Amino acid sequence: MTSKIKKRLFGFGLYSVACLSLFAQKGGGTATPVYLDENKAIEQRVEDALSRMTLEEKVAMVHAQSNFSSAGCPRLGIPELWMSDGPHGVRAEVLWGNFDWANWTTDSCTAFPALTCLAASFNPDMAYAYGEAIGAEARYRKKDVLLAPGVNIYRSPLNGRNFEYMGEDPYLASRLAVPYIQGVQTNGVAACVKHYALNNQEQWRGSINVVVDDRALHEIYLPAFKASVLEGGTWALMGSYNKYKGQHCCHNDFMLNKILKQDWGFDGAVVSDWSGTHSTDEAATNGLDVEMGTWTDGLKLLGRPFTYNDYFLANPYLKGLKEGKYEVKDLDDKVRRMLRLCFRTNMDRHRPYGSFATPEHADIARKIGEEGIVLLKNDKGFFPIAPGRYSKILVVGENAVRSLTVGGGSSELKVKREISPLQGLKEKYGDDRISYTMGYTSDPSKYNVDSLKQQAIAMAKDAEVVLFIGGLNKDAHQDCEGEDRQIFELPYEQGTLISQLVAYNKNTGVIIISGNGVSMPWLKSVPALMQSWYLGSEAGYATANVVSGEVNPSGKMPFSIPVKLEDNAAHHFGTKAFPGDGTDVVYEEGILVGYRWHDTKKIPALFPFGYGMSYTTFSYGKMATNKKEYGKEDTIELSFTLANDGKCAGAETAQIYVSQSNPLLERPVKELKAFKKVFLDAGERKVVSLSIPVKELAYYDDKKQDWVVDSDQFTLHCGASSTDIKSSVSIQVQ
């Protein structure tokens, strides 16, 4: 080794990062470094490092040493691993032992749109850009593991964390999770996919036992996790709080050892959710690799100051190992996975340095927001509102000015800037054309509710056009971790206010900001409606660009909005199916989640899955396949012509659904199996090609415990939504 290289490695403390410090003497004592070829396989490096660790050093690697870090092995030059929330921005620095902000001045991040917005974009390319940008921010902040993305299925519109997830369809969630993960990990930062699995409610989340049949488990709730592992190559995965088969999912033998590690061959690390670990016996053997956050679960009742060495996988585990109660081979498997995680992240000398809160990241956040906003209703061309069209525009609603990057639980962010919808509209249309009034409040202790309402009505009478910007807001029992919503209606009497505004000004459009669907008894009276989301730092600019027509809306609904709560499959069966009885929650609807339920049971949704309007019009040609008969190893090739028949450029997401004629087991009327977002200039037409491997037509046979493709006739439907089918073609599978 040249003196120049030695100076770089030793003088700047990068020796372990560059090549892993190996030692001639194992197990402690004075060590002599042995230089290792940096291109040597990670697995060889893992085994060598493992062989040189003491039992105490191994145990130290599998539990937290602070709120968001785990220990490395200082004697061997293996650095500690640092983790961070969250799914749509790198969380502010917190104190070593609690969640209070550390009040740094260098941790104000870019807030990207919540993942429901990404799902509504139906754009895998945007998902990759999202992951690459947020991964760069995590890398710049010296984070090794980003606790994201969340891929739990939207089962009920009352789930408090749906805004962090990717909708109701497992195929859609899979296609967006994979590029997100790949984008994050190009930065040498591990994605940690969560929450595995069946974490579909917040009420009783730490104890509720999910009772679900095997078909629903494999067809609905596991595919996005499976794709994240097998296609996305995620380096980490977080267990969920709830139980399955009576065992907590953070140390669940069936979910972690059998499915994840054995069936899927996952070679990464399983991270517990914070306070999701409950037993040394189960954590030692049932697949958990690193225990995080357990101090939050009340172990301070030990009667002395609680330390990280009191974790289930700390001193109690070490004691059991020394006594022979637990096997060292299980510990070694955990440590191998943690070492592998280190070599992929903080010991990869080639990983980039990252970047933080840059204009480029702001642009990506804005574009994701623009592509995710869904136009749901637009009578008589209410939208777009071109600048100069009106001189008196009234904006009503707390969400027009409220910060929506804070709150919501662990996804809260400290942002470099947040452009509110009102600010974005004022910059677009001019201060002199925009007036604002709150109209309603989420804090009636500070305002007179009736006065706010009356002022909004009075101002609406004098306006040329009214834009109501309301929805949910990440408060308790809104879109918020730890607590589910309690009502399906808009809170704070917003529904009443909307009806009154329309009564005094027919030219009233509504923009709902939320991560969940809401009931809309006022829908028929309003001429226009947009579904927006928590759009992050650039919320105002994304909103104004779509409202003004500078950007043509192209979002599609990633979940169905039922007419009434009971029309949702989970709520159709009463409280035993959601939220359960406090002990068990029974997924009575089985595989019929979301549009699968609405279509199969012929219960129309208010707005169906995949639905979204545009400022232009698209026409679909007849779909054709490359042949009519297929074997199980074949791939179905589809093509059709898509044309933009309007006067402005736009994007349309063509969706392919599949039906089976005579299934041996019950199947939904149709299931999404492919989609493509196509960008077309005015008057442009393109031939759109998609492919579906025949094996993707399989269902999970719970008796055979395997995936099965029947010999049968299948019908492929090309549509603009789950209910707007443009053409269909039948094929035979042998």
Foldseek 3Di string as FASTA:
>chain_A
DDPVVVCVCPVVVPVCLQAWFAFPDADDDDTDGDGHDSPPDLLVVLVRVLRRYDLQQLLQQFEPQFQFWGQHRVVRSQGIAGEADDAFAGAADADRHDRHHPPDPPFAFFGFFAQCLLLQLLDQVLLLVRLLQRLLACLLVVHQEYADQEAAAAFALFALALSSHRYHFLVSRQSSLQSSQLNNLLQLHFYAYDAQWDQNHQVLFQFAEEAFAPQLCVRGICNNVLSCVQRSVGQHYEYTRYHYPRHQRLQAQCRAVPVPCPVSVRLAAYEYDALSDDALVSCQPRHHQHYHNVVVPPPCVVVDDDGRQVDSSHPVVSVCVVVVNGDVVSSSSSSSNSSSSSCSHVSPPPRDNGDGRDPVSVVSLLVSQLSRKFWDFAFPCLPQDAAPNFQAEEEEAPQQPDQQQAAQPSSRHRHPAAQGQVNLQCVRHNPRRYDYAHLFDPDCVVDPNVVSLVVLQVSLLVGQAYEYEYAFGNDALFNHRNHTHDAQAGPRCVLVSVQSSCVNPQRYEYEYEGSGHHAHPPVVSHRTYMYGYNSTRCNNNSVNCCNNVVRKHATWRSFFAANHSCLRQQPVVPCLQPPRDSHYRYVVSHNCGTVLSCQQVVRDTPGHGLDGDTPWDKAKAAKDWPDFEEEQQDKIKIKIKMWTAGQAKDKAKKWKWKAFDDDPDDDGRIGTFDIDIDTDGHGDMDMDMDMGRSQSCWGQDSVVRGTDDDFGKMKMFIASGPPGTNYIDIHTYD
